[in-house]
């Protein structure tokens, strides 16, 4: 199947017009006129992921996070990003990314995350379509909801701040780094807000106003791979979820050392 046809299928769900103006969703490396039989699906594109694509015989990598965010001034292998470009070109592997184009659409990162957590009657949290806010079927204790998040998303950790209410029902969330939308979640009456990459002062800002819940960035978005697979497998493509795609946050405990 021609790569341009594959891209059309992805963009029928996650159009590039939906991405944030700072983003770089779309083709990263390769020729859209080439034929593709096998695709490696990943959250991030790293040298290990490209090596895996070579080993698996994949002609295409589809990722959530774009490989190219900032200008690449040299391709001489000094950085992981440059090594990925070198490897991909050497082995004739194309790379396509759908980032905020997948975040801000129905059936994308945030609505799928809401579905996984049993949140219903949701709508987008922001005008740009980033984040959602909705309702749990019934009110639950804040700590019970944290336990549900931990179990359903298979989290390595959950950080949180003091909620306003012991029992909660209105939930806002944003996969990835969504701390900038804490005030929006508060203004829209959310009892709790789930996101990733929150800093100390953002916990301080939320304390006593909303139950802020923070999880690993990768865990909050790794279901992008399943979304891609659901789009691409019906096209007859072999879809492989990368075994080298992982979080880079390790959690120390005396029991795991």
C-alpha atoms as a PDB file:
ATOM      1  CA  UNK A   1       0.000   0.000   0.000  1.00  0.00           C
ATOM      2  CA  UNK A   2       1.342   3.442  -0.860  1.00  0.00           C
ATOM      3  CA  UNK A   3       2.437   5.503   2.112  1.00  0.00           C
ATOM      4  CA  UNK A   4       0.375   8.481   0.969  1.00  0.00           C
ATOM      5  CA  UNK A   5      -2.767   6.319   1.197  1.00  0.00           C
ATOM      6  CA  UNK A   6      -1.790   5.234   4.716  1.00  0.00           C
ATOM      7  CA  UNK A   7      -1.306   8.871   5.688  1.00  0.00           C
ATOM      8  CA  UNK A   8      -4.735   9.728   4.289  1.00  0.00           C
ATOM      9  CA  UNK A   9      -6.273   7.050   6.529  1.00  0.00           C
ATOM     10  CA  UNK A  10      -4.487   8.363   9.627  1.00  0.00           C
ATOM     11  CA  UNK A  11      -5.407  11.939   8.804  1.00  0.00           C
ATOM     12  CA  UNK A  12      -9.057  11.014   8.270  1.00  0.00           C
ATOM     13  CA  UNK A  13      -9.038  10.468  12.060  1.00  0.00           C
ATOM     14  CA  UNK A  14      -6.300  12.921  13.081  1.00  0.00           C
ATOM     15  CA  UNK A  15      -6.103  15.738  10.498  1.00  0.00           C
ATOM     16  CA  UNK A  16      -3.005  17.899  10.608  1.00  0.00           C
ATOM     17  CA  UNK A  17      -5.308  20.921  10.629  1.00  0.00           C
ATOM     18  CA  UNK A  18      -6.242  19.917  14.195  1.00  0.00           C
ATOM     19  CA  UNK A  19      -2.685  20.173  15.545  1.00  0.00           C
ATOM     20  CA  UNK A  20      -1.452  23.030  17.740  1.00  0.00           C
ATOM     21  CA  UNK A  21       0.460  25.772  15.940  1.00  0.00           C
ATOM     22  CA  UNK A  22       3.705  24.838  17.751  1.00  0.00           C
ATOM     23  CA  UNK A  23       3.481  21.174  16.789  1.00  0.00           C
ATOM     24  CA  UNK A  24       5.034  19.175  13.945  1.00  0.00           C
ATOM     25  CA  UNK A  25       2.659  16.305  13.229  1.00  0.00           C
ATOM     26  CA  UNK A  26       3.011  14.708   9.790  1.00  0.00           C
ATOM     27  CA  UNK A  27       5.830  13.196   7.746  1.00  0.00           C
ATOM     28  CA  UNK A  28       9.203  13.281   9.481  1.00  0.00           C
ATOM     29  CA  UNK A  29      11.376  11.165   7.156  1.00  0.00           C
ATOM     30  CA  UNK A  30      10.736   9.370   3.864  1.00  0.00           C
ATOM     31  CA  UNK A  31       8.961   9.264   0.519  1.00  0.00           C
ATOM     32  CA  UNK A  32       5.159   9.194   0.521  1.00  0.00           C
ATOM     33  CA  UNK A  33       5.163   7.386  -2.821  1.00  0.00           C
ATOM     34  CA  UNK A  34       6.787   4.196  -1.539  1.00  0.00           C
ATOM     35  CA  UNK A  35       5.017   0.906  -0.889  1.00  0.00           C
ATOM     36  CA  UNK A  36       4.434  -0.221   2.701  1.00  0.00           C
ATOM     37  CA  UNK A  37       3.547  -3.672   4.017  1.00  0.00           C
ATOM     38  CA  UNK A  38       4.577  -3.539   7.684  1.00  0.00           C
ATOM     39  CA  UNK A  39       4.369  -0.757  10.293  1.00  0.00           C
ATOM     40  CA  UNK A  40       6.003  -0.359  13.712  1.00  0.00           C
ATOM     41  CA  UNK A  41       3.854   1.594  16.182  1.00  0.00           C
ATOM     42  CA  UNK A  42       5.429   3.612  18.981  1.00  0.00           C
ATOM     43  CA  UNK A  43       4.993   6.590  21.286  1.00  0.00           C
ATOM     44  CA  UNK A  44       8.545   7.875  20.748  1.00  0.00           C
ATOM     45  CA  UNK A  45      11.043   7.371  17.919  1.00  0.00           C
ATOM     46  CA  UNK A  46      14.429   6.424  19.363  1.00  0.00           C
ATOM     47  CA  UNK A  47      17.502   4.691  17.911  1.00  0.00           C
ATOM     48  CA  UNK A  48      16.374   1.447  19.593  1.00  0.00           C
ATOM     49  CA  UNK A  49      12.936   1.742  17.988  1.00  0.00           C
ATOM     50  CA  UNK A  50      14.481   2.237  14.532  1.00  0.00           C
ATOM     51  CA  UNK A  51      16.762  -0.752  15.090  1.00  0.00           C
ATOM     52  CA  UNK A  52      13.673  -2.771  15.971  1.00  0.00           C
ATOM     53  CA  UNK A  53      11.969  -1.647  12.757  1.00  0.00           C
ATOM     54  CA  UNK A  54      15.022  -2.868  10.811  1.00  0.00           C
ATOM     55  CA  UNK A  55      14.950  -6.237  12.615  1.00  0.00           C
ATOM     56  CA  UNK A  56      11.196  -6.655  12.046  1.00  0.00           C
ATOM     57  CA  UNK A  57      11.376  -5.639   8.390  1.00  0.00           C
ATOM     58  CA  UNK A  58       9.045  -2.655   8.858  1.00  0.00           C
ATOM     59  CA  UNK A  59       9.118  -0.008   6.151  1.00  0.00           C
ATOM     60  CA  UNK A  60       7.272   2.579   8.260  1.00  0.00           C
ATOM     61  CA  UNK A  61       7.297   3.832  11.856  1.00  0.00           C
ATOM     62  CA  UNK A  62       4.186   5.641  13.093  1.00  0.00           C
ATOM     63  CA  UNK A  63       4.700   7.541  16.346  1.00  0.00           C
ATOM     64  CA  UNK A  64       2.725   9.806  18.623  1.00  0.00           C
ATOM     65  CA  UNK A  65       5.541  12.185  19.551  1.00  0.00           C
ATOM     66  CA  UNK A  66       7.162  13.826  16.518  1.00  0.00           C
ATOM     67  CA  UNK A  67      10.792  13.038  15.855  1.00  0.00           C
ATOM     68  CA  UNK A  68      11.454  16.590  14.622  1.00  0.00           C
ATOM     69  CA  UNK A  69      10.328  19.422  16.891  1.00  0.00           C
ATOM     70  CA  UNK A  70      13.207  21.844  16.458  1.00  0.00           C
ATOM     71  CA  UNK A  71      15.553  22.548  13.603  1.00  0.00           C
ATOM     72  CA  UNK A  72      18.085  19.769  12.985  1.00  0.00           C
ATOM     73  CA  UNK A  73      21.230  21.654  11.977  1.00  0.00           C
ATOM     74  CA  UNK A  74      23.540  18.657  11.586  1.00  0.00           C
ATOM     75  CA  UNK A  75      22.965  14.976  10.816  1.00  0.00           C
ATOM     76  CA  UNK A  76      26.238  13.578  12.110  1.00  0.00           C
ATOM     77  CA  UNK A  77      25.072  11.227  14.849  1.00  0.00           C
ATOM     78  CA  UNK A  78      25.837  13.486  17.811  1.00  0.00           C
ATOM     79  CA  UNK A  79      22.280  13.302  19.193  1.00  0.00           C
ATOM     80  CA  UNK A  80      19.677  10.518  19.419  1.00  0.00           C
ATOM     81  CA  UNK A  81      17.490  12.537  17.050  1.00  0.00           C
ATOM     82  CA  UNK A  82      20.267  12.773  14.449  1.00  0.00           C
ATOM     83  CA  UNK A  83      21.043   9.060  14.814  1.00  0.00           C
ATOM     84  CA  UNK A  84      17.397   8.223  14.172  1.00  0.00           C
ATOM     85  CA  UNK A  85      17.408  10.267  10.958  1.00  0.00           C
ATOM     86  CA  UNK A  86      20.653   8.601   9.835  1.00  0.00           C
ATOM     87  CA  UNK A  87      19.349   5.090  10.601  1.00  0.00           C
ATOM     88  CA  UNK A  88      15.985   5.717   8.966  1.00  0.00           C
ATOM     89  CA  UNK A  89      17.523   7.027   5.740  1.00  0.00           C
ATOM     90  CA  UNK A  90      20.177   4.275   5.656  1.00  0.00           C
ATOM     91  CA  UNK A  91      17.552   1.531   5.988  1.00  0.00           C
ATOM     92  CA  UNK A  92      14.884   3.262   3.893  1.00  0.00           C
ATOM     93  CA  UNK A  93      12.391   3.518   6.782  1.00  0.00           C
ATOM     94  CA  UNK A  94       9.759   6.238   6.657  1.00  0.00           C
ATOM     95  CA  UNK A  95       8.551   7.988   9.833  1.00  0.00           C
ATOM     96  CA  UNK A  96       5.158   9.628  10.360  1.00  0.00           C
ATOM     97  CA  UNK A  97       3.919  11.260  13.588  1.00  0.00           C
ATOM     98  CA  UNK A  98       0.455  12.260  14.806  1.00  0.00           C
ATOM     99  CA  UNK A  99       0.812  14.315  17.990  1.00  0.00           C
ATOM    100  CA  UNK A 100      -1.661  17.060  18.908  1.00  0.00           C
ATOM    101  CA  UNK A 101      -3.515  16.162  15.721  1.00  0.00           C
ATOM    102  CA  UNK A 102      -4.408  12.946  17.594  1.00  0.00           C
ATOM    103  CA  UNK A 103      -4.834  14.632  20.979  1.00  0.00           C
ATOM    104  CA  UNK A 104      -7.552  17.036  19.920  1.00  0.00           C
ATOM    105  CA  UNK A 105     -10.055  14.834  18.062  1.00  0.00           C
ATOM    106  CA  UNK A 106     -12.854  12.452  18.999  1.00  0.00           C
ATOM    107  CA  UNK A 107     -11.430   8.943  19.154  1.00  0.00           C
ATOM    108  CA  UNK A 108      -7.996  10.353  19.926  1.00  0.00           C
ATOM    109  CA  UNK A 109      -5.714  10.369  22.961  1.00  0.00           C
ATOM    110  CA  UNK A 110      -7.950  12.171  25.443  1.00  0.00           C
ATOM    111  CA  UNK A 111     -11.340  10.718  24.582  1.00  0.00           C
ATOM    112  CA  UNK A 112      -9.822   7.221  24.587  1.00  0.00           C
ATOM    113  CA  UNK A 113      -8.248   7.913  27.986  1.00  0.00           C
ATOM    114  CA  UNK A 114     -11.653   9.023  29.269  1.00  0.00           C
ATOM    115  CA  UNK A 115     -13.218   5.808  27.944  1.00  0.00           C
ATOM    116  CA  UNK A 116     -10.571   3.711  29.692  1.00  0.00           C
ATOM    117  CA  UNK A 117     -11.441   5.367  33.002  1.00  0.00           C
ATOM    118  CA  UNK A 118     -15.205   5.046  32.571  1.00  0.00           C
ATOM    119  CA  UNK A 119     -15.798   8.777  32.130  1.00  0.00           C
ATOM    120  CA  UNK A 120     -18.919   9.576  30.107  1.00  0.00           C
ATOM    121  CA  UNK A 121     -20.828  12.612  28.794  1.00  0.00           C
ATOM    122  CA  UNK A 122     -17.524  14.303  28.095  1.00  0.00           C
ATOM    123  CA  UNK A 123     -16.636  17.261  25.917  1.00  0.00           C
ATOM    124  CA  UNK A 124     -13.386  19.005  25.098  1.00  0.00           C
ATOM    125  CA  UNK A 125     -11.845  21.002  27.924  1.00  0.00           C
ATOM    126  CA  UNK A 126     -10.369  23.719  25.693  1.00  0.00           C
ATOM    127  CA  UNK A 127     -11.420  25.441  22.485  1.00  0.00           C
ATOM    128  CA  UNK A 128      -8.433  23.843  20.767  1.00  0.00           C
ATOM    129  CA  UNK A 129      -9.731  20.381  21.648  1.00  0.00           C
ATOM    130  CA  UNK A 130      -6.982  19.571  24.154  1.00  0.00           C
ATOM    131  CA  UNK A 131      -8.237  17.710  27.206  1.00  0.00           C
ATOM    132  CA  UNK A 132     -11.747  16.547  28.055  1.00  0.00           C
ATOM    133  CA  UNK A 133     -14.139  16.938  30.980  1.00  0.00           C
ATOM    134  CA  UNK A 134     -16.955  14.561  31.832  1.00  0.00           C
ATOM    135  CA  UNK A 135     -18.698  12.498  34.480  1.00  0.00           C
ATOM    136  CA  UNK A 136     -18.133   9.240  36.282  1.00  0.00           C
ATOM    137  CA  UNK A 137     -21.305   7.097  36.330  1.00  0.00           C
ATOM    138  CA  UNK A 138     -21.564   7.743  40.065  1.00  0.00           C
ATOM    139  CA  UNK A 139     -19.581   9.635  42.664  1.00  0.00           C
ATOM    140  CA  UNK A 140     -16.610   7.819  44.189  1.00  0.00           C
ATOM    141  CA  UNK A 141     -14.091   8.714  46.836  1.00  0.00           C
ATOM    142  CA  UNK A 142     -11.044  10.568  45.572  1.00  0.00           C
ATOM    143  CA  UNK A 143      -8.718   7.813  46.773  1.00  0.00           C
ATOM    144  CA  UNK A 144     -10.863   5.108  45.153  1.00  0.00           C
ATOM    145  CA  UNK A 145     -10.573   6.978  41.841  1.00  0.00           C
ATOM    146  CA  UNK A 146      -6.795   7.117  42.228  1.00  0.00           C
ATOM    147  CA  UNK A 147      -6.775   3.359  42.793  1.00  0.00           C
ATOM    148  CA  UNK A 148      -8.843   2.920  39.614  1.00  0.00           C
ATOM    149  CA  UNK A 149      -6.385   5.055  37.640  1.00  0.00           C
ATOM    150  CA  UNK A 150      -3.451   3.052  38.986  1.00  0.00           C
ATOM    151  CA  UNK A 151      -5.051  -0.276  38.087  1.00  0.00           C
ATOM    152  CA  UNK A 152      -6.718   0.557  34.762  1.00  0.00           C
ATOM    153  CA  UNK A 153      -3.741   2.407  33.296  1.00  0.00           C
ATOM    154  CA  UNK A 154      -1.147   0.122  34.918  1.00  0.00           C
ATOM    155  CA  UNK A 155       0.662   3.099  36.394  1.00  0.00           C
ATOM    156  CA  UNK A 156       4.103   2.995  37.953  1.00  0.00           C
ATOM    157  CA  UNK A 157       3.168   5.886  40.240  1.00  0.00           C
ATOM    158  CA  UNK A 158       0.374   8.331  40.972  1.00  0.00           C
ATOM    159  CA  UNK A 159       1.089  11.719  42.572  1.00  0.00           C
ATOM    160  CA  UNK A 160      -1.756  13.874  43.839  1.00  0.00           C
ATOM    161  CA  UNK A 161      -2.665  16.858  45.930  1.00  0.00           C
ATOM    162  CA  UNK A 162      -5.426  17.432  48.481  1.00  0.00           C
ATOM    163  CA  UNK A 163      -8.882  17.455  46.852  1.00  0.00           C
ATOM    164  CA  UNK A 164     -11.654  19.889  47.700  1.00  0.00           C
ATOM    165  CA  UNK A 165     -14.223  17.086  47.958  1.00  0.00           C
ATOM    166  CA  UNK A 166     -13.942  13.640  49.471  1.00  0.00           C
ATOM    167  CA  UNK A 167     -16.429  12.293  46.917  1.00  0.00           C
ATOM    168  CA  UNK A 168     -15.890  13.224  43.275  1.00  0.00           C
ATOM    169  CA  UNK A 169     -17.728  12.768  39.974  1.00  0.00           C
ATOM    170  CA  UNK A 170     -16.766  15.514  37.488  1.00  0.00           C
ATOM    171  CA  UNK A 171     -13.378  14.627  36.028  1.00  0.00           C
ATOM    172  CA  UNK A 172     -11.115  16.584  33.657  1.00  0.00           C
ATOM    173  CA  UNK A 173      -8.044  15.081  32.037  1.00  0.00           C
ATOM    174  CA  UNK A 174      -5.344  15.754  29.481  1.00  0.00           C
ATOM    175  CA  UNK A 175      -2.893  13.100  28.318  1.00  0.00           C
ATOM    176  CA  UNK A 176       0.711  14.253  28.292  1.00  0.00           C
ATOM    177  CA  UNK A 177       1.858  17.579  29.744  1.00  0.00           C
ATOM    178  CA  UNK A 178      -1.371  19.359  30.597  1.00  0.00           C
ATOM    179  CA  UNK A 179      -0.582  21.419  33.689  1.00  0.00           C
ATOM    180  CA  UNK A 180      -1.375  24.612  31.759  1.00  0.00           C
ATOM    181  CA  UNK A 181      -5.057  23.625  31.828  1.00  0.00           C
ATOM    182  CA  UNK A 182      -5.414  23.299  35.626  1.00  0.00           C
ATOM    183  CA  UNK A 183      -7.244  26.651  35.841  1.00  0.00           C
ATOM    184  CA  UNK A 184      -9.548  25.661  32.980  1.00  0.00           C
ATOM    185  CA  UNK A 185     -10.464  22.446  34.806  1.00  0.00           C
ATOM    186  CA  UNK A 186     -11.164  24.441  37.972  1.00  0.00           C
ATOM    187  CA  UNK A 187     -13.237  27.036  36.098  1.00  0.00           C
ATOM    188  CA  UNK A 188     -15.351  24.305  34.517  1.00  0.00           C
ATOM    189  CA  UNK A 189     -16.136  22.758  37.889  1.00  0.00           C
ATOM    190  CA  UNK A 190     -14.016  19.610  37.770  1.00  0.00           C
ATOM    191  CA  UNK A 191     -13.566  17.809  41.075  1.00  0.00           C
ATOM    192  CA  UNK A 192     -10.320  16.219  39.872  1.00  0.00           C
ATOM    193  CA  UNK A 193      -7.857  16.774  37.032  1.00  0.00           C
ATOM    194  CA  UNK A 194      -5.615  14.027  35.652  1.00  0.00           C
ATOM    195  CA  UNK A 195      -2.512  14.842  33.608  1.00  0.00           C
ATOM    196  CA  UNK A 196       1.281  14.358  33.593  1.00  0.00           C
ATOM    197  CA  UNK A 197       4.542  16.248  34.178  1.00  0.00           C
ATOM    198  CA  UNK A 198       3.227  18.540  36.934  1.00  0.00           C
ATOM    199  CA  UNK A 199       5.763  20.602  38.886  1.00  0.00           C
ATOM    200  CA  UNK A 200       5.830  21.354  42.613  1.00  0.00           C
ATOM    201  CA  UNK A 201       4.313  24.831  42.289  1.00  0.00           C
ATOM    202  CA  UNK A 202       1.503  23.483  40.118  1.00  0.00           C
ATOM    203  CA  UNK A 203       0.586  21.095  42.916  1.00  0.00           C
ATOM    204  CA  UNK A 204       0.724  24.084  45.256  1.00  0.00           C
ATOM    205  CA  UNK A 205      -1.528  26.061  42.889  1.00  0.00           C
ATOM    206  CA  UNK A 206      -4.098  23.249  42.796  1.00  0.00           C
ATOM    207  CA  UNK A 207      -4.100  22.456  46.525  1.00  0.00           C
ATOM    208  CA  UNK A 208      -7.510  23.132  48.042  1.00  0.00           C
ATOM    209  CA  UNK A 209      -9.007  24.016  44.631  1.00  0.00           C
ATOM    210  CA  UNK A 210      -9.050  20.717  42.737  1.00  0.00           C
ATOM    211  CA  UNK A 211      -7.769  17.178  43.192  1.00  0.00           C
ATOM    212  CA  UNK A 212      -4.732  17.276  40.904  1.00  0.00           C
ATOM    213  CA  UNK A 213      -3.550  13.807  39.827  1.00  0.00           C
ATOM    214  CA  UNK A 214      -0.232  13.322  38.022  1.00  0.00           C
ATOM    215  CA  UNK A 215       0.974  10.161  36.261  1.00  0.00           C
ATOM    216  CA  UNK A 216       3.835   9.167  33.954  1.00  0.00           C
ATOM    217  CA  UNK A 217       3.639  11.029  30.611  1.00  0.00           C
ATOM    218  CA  UNK A 218       4.272   7.879  28.557  1.00  0.00           C
ATOM    219  CA  UNK A 219       1.621   5.890  30.395  1.00  0.00           C
ATOM    220  CA  UNK A 220      -0.938   8.650  29.814  1.00  0.00           C
ATOM    221  CA  UNK A 221      -0.411   8.442  26.032  1.00  0.00           C
ATOM    222  CA  UNK A 222       0.844   4.961  25.168  1.00  0.00           C
ATOM    223  CA  UNK A 223      -2.633   3.946  23.959  1.00  0.00           C
ATOM    224  CA  UNK A 224      -1.854   6.025  20.835  1.00  0.00           C
ATOM    225  CA  UNK A 225      -0.301   2.815  19.510  1.00  0.00           C
ATOM    226  CA  UNK A 226      -3.618   0.980  19.820  1.00  0.00           C
ATOM    227  CA  UNK A 227      -5.422   3.846  18.096  1.00  0.00           C
ATOM    228  CA  UNK A 228      -2.966   3.646  15.190  1.00  0.00           C
ATOM    229  CA  UNK A 229      -3.377  -0.129  15.007  1.00  0.00           C
ATOM    230  CA  UNK A 230      -7.167   0.195  14.849  1.00  0.00           C
ATOM    231  CA  UNK A 231      -6.770   2.582  11.896  1.00  0.00           C
ATOM    232  CA  UNK A 232      -4.128   0.625   9.992  1.00  0.00           C
ATOM    233  CA  UNK A 233      -4.866  -3.075  10.457  1.00  0.00           C
ATOM    234  CA  UNK A 234      -8.146  -2.887   8.474  1.00  0.00           C
ATOM    235  CA  UNK A 235      -6.025  -1.682   5.535  1.00  0.00           C
ATOM    236  CA  UNK A 236      -4.302  -5.067   5.455  1.00  0.00           C
ATOM    237  CA  UNK A 237      -1.048  -3.810   6.952  1.00  0.00           C
ATOM    238  CA  UNK A 238       0.975  -5.797   9.446  1.00  0.00           C
ATOM    239  CA  UNK A 239       1.067  -3.663  12.610  1.00  0.00           C
ATOM    240  CA  UNK A 240       3.659  -4.309  15.318  1.00  0.00           C
ATOM    241  CA  UNK A 241       3.694  -2.485  18.649  1.00  0.00           C
ATOM    242  CA  UNK A 242       7.292  -1.626  19.536  1.00  0.00           C
ATOM    243  CA  UNK A 243       8.871  -3.568  22.384  1.00  0.00           C
ATOM    244  CA  UNK A 244      11.477  -0.815  22.776  1.00  0.00           C
ATOM    245  CA  UNK A 245       8.902   1.924  23.338  1.00  0.00           C
ATOM    246  CA  UNK A 246       8.987   2.716  27.043  1.00  0.00           C
ATOM    247  CA  UNK A 247       8.923   5.330  29.748  1.00  0.00           C
ATOM    248  CA  UNK A 248      12.252   6.799  30.759  1.00  0.00           C
ATOM    249  CA  UNK A 249      11.097   7.435  34.338  1.00  0.00           C
ATOM    250  CA  UNK A 250      12.242   4.709  36.729  1.00  0.00           C
ATOM    251  CA  UNK A 251      10.783   4.486  40.229  1.00  0.00           C
ATOM    252  CA  UNK A 252      13.035   3.394  43.066  1.00  0.00           C
ATOM    253  CA  UNK A 253      11.731   1.377  45.969  1.00  0.00           C
ATOM    254  CA  UNK A 254      13.697  -0.821  48.406  1.00  0.00           C
ATOM    255  CA  UNK A 255      11.665  -3.826  47.248  1.00  0.00           C
ATOM    256  CA  UNK A 256      12.593  -3.397  43.553  1.00  0.00           C
ATOM    257  CA  UNK A 257      16.275  -2.537  43.979  1.00  0.00           C
END
